[in-house]
């Protein structure tokens, strides 16, 4: 292998490391808190929706549809 091939391989590895670091950062958030946005999927209905977490009490989340929250704030 010549220097140019090694340099290209090193650049490729550096790119892959950056991708892994980005994915690891995204996975660090393992808890849901009040004010977070969550996506709920209803596969049997073929729909999904985004909701804001309004309240969490003993592991039960109270969700509010984002559109509803906008109307309440207006």
C-alpha atoms as a PDB file:
ATOM      1  CA  UNK A   1       0.000   0.000   0.000  1.00  0.00           C
ATOM      2  CA  UNK A   2       1.278   3.425  -0.804  1.00  0.00           C
ATOM      3  CA  UNK A   3       0.902   6.605   1.196  1.00  0.00           C
ATOM      4  CA  UNK A   4      -2.031   7.856  -0.882  1.00  0.00           C
ATOM      5  CA  UNK A   5      -4.060   4.668  -0.270  1.00  0.00           C
ATOM      6  CA  UNK A   6      -3.299   4.808   3.450  1.00  0.00           C
ATOM      7  CA  UNK A   7      -4.337   8.461   3.550  1.00  0.00           C
ATOM      8  CA  UNK A   8      -7.651   7.675   1.836  1.00  0.00           C
ATOM      9  CA  UNK A   9      -8.323   4.810   4.252  1.00  0.00           C
ATOM     10  CA  UNK A  10      -7.558   7.064   7.208  1.00  0.00           C
ATOM     11  CA  UNK A  11      -9.972   9.724   5.928  1.00  0.00           C
ATOM     12  CA  UNK A  12     -12.651   7.058   5.467  1.00  0.00           C
ATOM     13  CA  UNK A  13     -12.132   5.790   9.020  1.00  0.00           C
ATOM     14  CA  UNK A  14     -12.263   9.332  10.422  1.00  0.00           C
ATOM     15  CA  UNK A  15     -15.592   9.876   8.638  1.00  0.00           C
ATOM     16  CA  UNK A  16     -16.977   6.636  10.079  1.00  0.00           C
ATOM     17  CA  UNK A  17     -15.832   7.611  13.590  1.00  0.00           C
ATOM     18  CA  UNK A  18     -17.669  10.936  13.271  1.00  0.00           C
ATOM     19  CA  UNK A  19     -20.828   9.097  12.186  1.00  0.00           C
ATOM     20  CA  UNK A  20     -20.601   6.752  15.185  1.00  0.00           C
ATOM     21  CA  UNK A  21     -20.025   9.673  17.574  1.00  0.00           C
ATOM     22  CA  UNK A  22     -23.092  11.446  16.180  1.00  0.00           C
ATOM     23  CA  UNK A  23     -25.244   8.344  16.600  1.00  0.00           C
ATOM     24  CA  UNK A  24     -23.913   7.780  20.136  1.00  0.00           C
ATOM     25  CA  UNK A  25     -24.799  11.360  21.095  1.00  0.00           C
ATOM     26  CA  UNK A  26     -28.330  10.855  19.787  1.00  0.00           C
ATOM     27  CA  UNK A  27     -28.727   7.698  21.869  1.00  0.00           C
ATOM     28  CA  UNK A  28     -27.577   9.297  25.146  1.00  0.00           C
ATOM     29  CA  UNK A  29     -31.047  10.609  25.975  1.00  0.00           C
ATOM     30  CA  UNK A  30     -32.712   7.565  27.496  1.00  0.00           C
ATOM     31  CA  UNK A  31     -35.423   9.247  29.510  1.00  0.00           C
ATOM     32  CA  UNK A  32     -38.509  11.239  28.633  1.00  0.00           C
ATOM     33  CA  UNK A  33     -39.177  14.446  30.532  1.00  0.00           C
ATOM     34  CA  UNK A  34     -41.943  17.024  30.706  1.00  0.00           C
ATOM     35  CA  UNK A  35     -41.779  19.284  27.670  1.00  0.00           C
ATOM     36  CA  UNK A  36     -40.205  16.658  25.402  1.00  0.00           C
ATOM     37  CA  UNK A  37     -41.720  15.894  22.020  1.00  0.00           C
ATOM     38  CA  UNK A  38     -42.544  12.221  21.391  1.00  0.00           C
ATOM     39  CA  UNK A  39     -43.735  10.422  18.282  1.00  0.00           C
ATOM     40  CA  UNK A  40     -46.511   7.871  18.713  1.00  0.00           C
ATOM     41  CA  UNK A  41     -47.126   5.335  15.945  1.00  0.00           C
ATOM     42  CA  UNK A  42     -50.405   3.484  15.515  1.00  0.00           C
ATOM     43  CA  UNK A  43     -49.379   0.769  13.019  1.00  0.00           C
ATOM     44  CA  UNK A  44     -52.800  -0.884  12.922  1.00  0.00           C
ATOM     45  CA  UNK A  45     -54.324   2.436  11.826  1.00  0.00           C
ATOM     46  CA  UNK A  46     -51.416   3.429   9.606  1.00  0.00           C
ATOM     47  CA  UNK A  47     -50.970   6.812  11.295  1.00  0.00           C
ATOM     48  CA  UNK A  48     -48.513   8.536  13.576  1.00  0.00           C
ATOM     49  CA  UNK A  49     -48.530  11.767  15.533  1.00  0.00           C
ATOM     50  CA  UNK A  50     -46.214  14.020  17.484  1.00  0.00           C
ATOM     51  CA  UNK A  51     -47.170  14.937  21.013  1.00  0.00           C
ATOM     52  CA  UNK A  52     -45.768  17.106  23.780  1.00  0.00           C
ATOM     53  CA  UNK A  53     -45.327  15.512  27.203  1.00  0.00           C
ATOM     54  CA  UNK A  54     -47.483  17.642  29.492  1.00  0.00           C
ATOM     55  CA  UNK A  55     -47.128  15.645  32.707  1.00  0.00           C
ATOM     56  CA  UNK A  56     -45.553  12.439  34.023  1.00  0.00           C
ATOM     57  CA  UNK A  57     -47.029  10.881  37.160  1.00  0.00           C
ATOM     58  CA  UNK A  58     -45.879   7.466  38.419  1.00  0.00           C
ATOM     59  CA  UNK A  59     -44.742   6.449  34.939  1.00  0.00           C
ATOM     60  CA  UNK A  60     -47.957   7.569  33.232  1.00  0.00           C
ATOM     61  CA  UNK A  61     -47.485  10.272  30.610  1.00  0.00           C
ATOM     62  CA  UNK A  62     -50.105  12.852  29.778  1.00  0.00           C
ATOM     63  CA  UNK A  63     -49.650  13.786  26.135  1.00  0.00           C
ATOM     64  CA  UNK A  64     -51.045  16.774  24.286  1.00  0.00           C
ATOM     65  CA  UNK A  65     -51.186  16.973  20.504  1.00  0.00           C
ATOM     66  CA  UNK A  66     -48.899  19.688  19.222  1.00  0.00           C
ATOM     67  CA  UNK A  67     -51.727  21.438  17.358  1.00  0.00           C
ATOM     68  CA  UNK A  68     -53.844  21.493  20.532  1.00  0.00           C
ATOM     69  CA  UNK A  69     -50.949  22.966  22.502  1.00  0.00           C
ATOM     70  CA  UNK A  70     -50.563  25.762  19.929  1.00  0.00           C
ATOM     71  CA  UNK A  71     -54.284  26.626  20.209  1.00  0.00           C
ATOM     72  CA  UNK A  72     -54.094  26.673  24.021  1.00  0.00           C
ATOM     73  CA  UNK A  73     -51.118  29.060  23.932  1.00  0.00           C
ATOM     74  CA  UNK A  74     -52.868  31.487  21.546  1.00  0.00           C
END
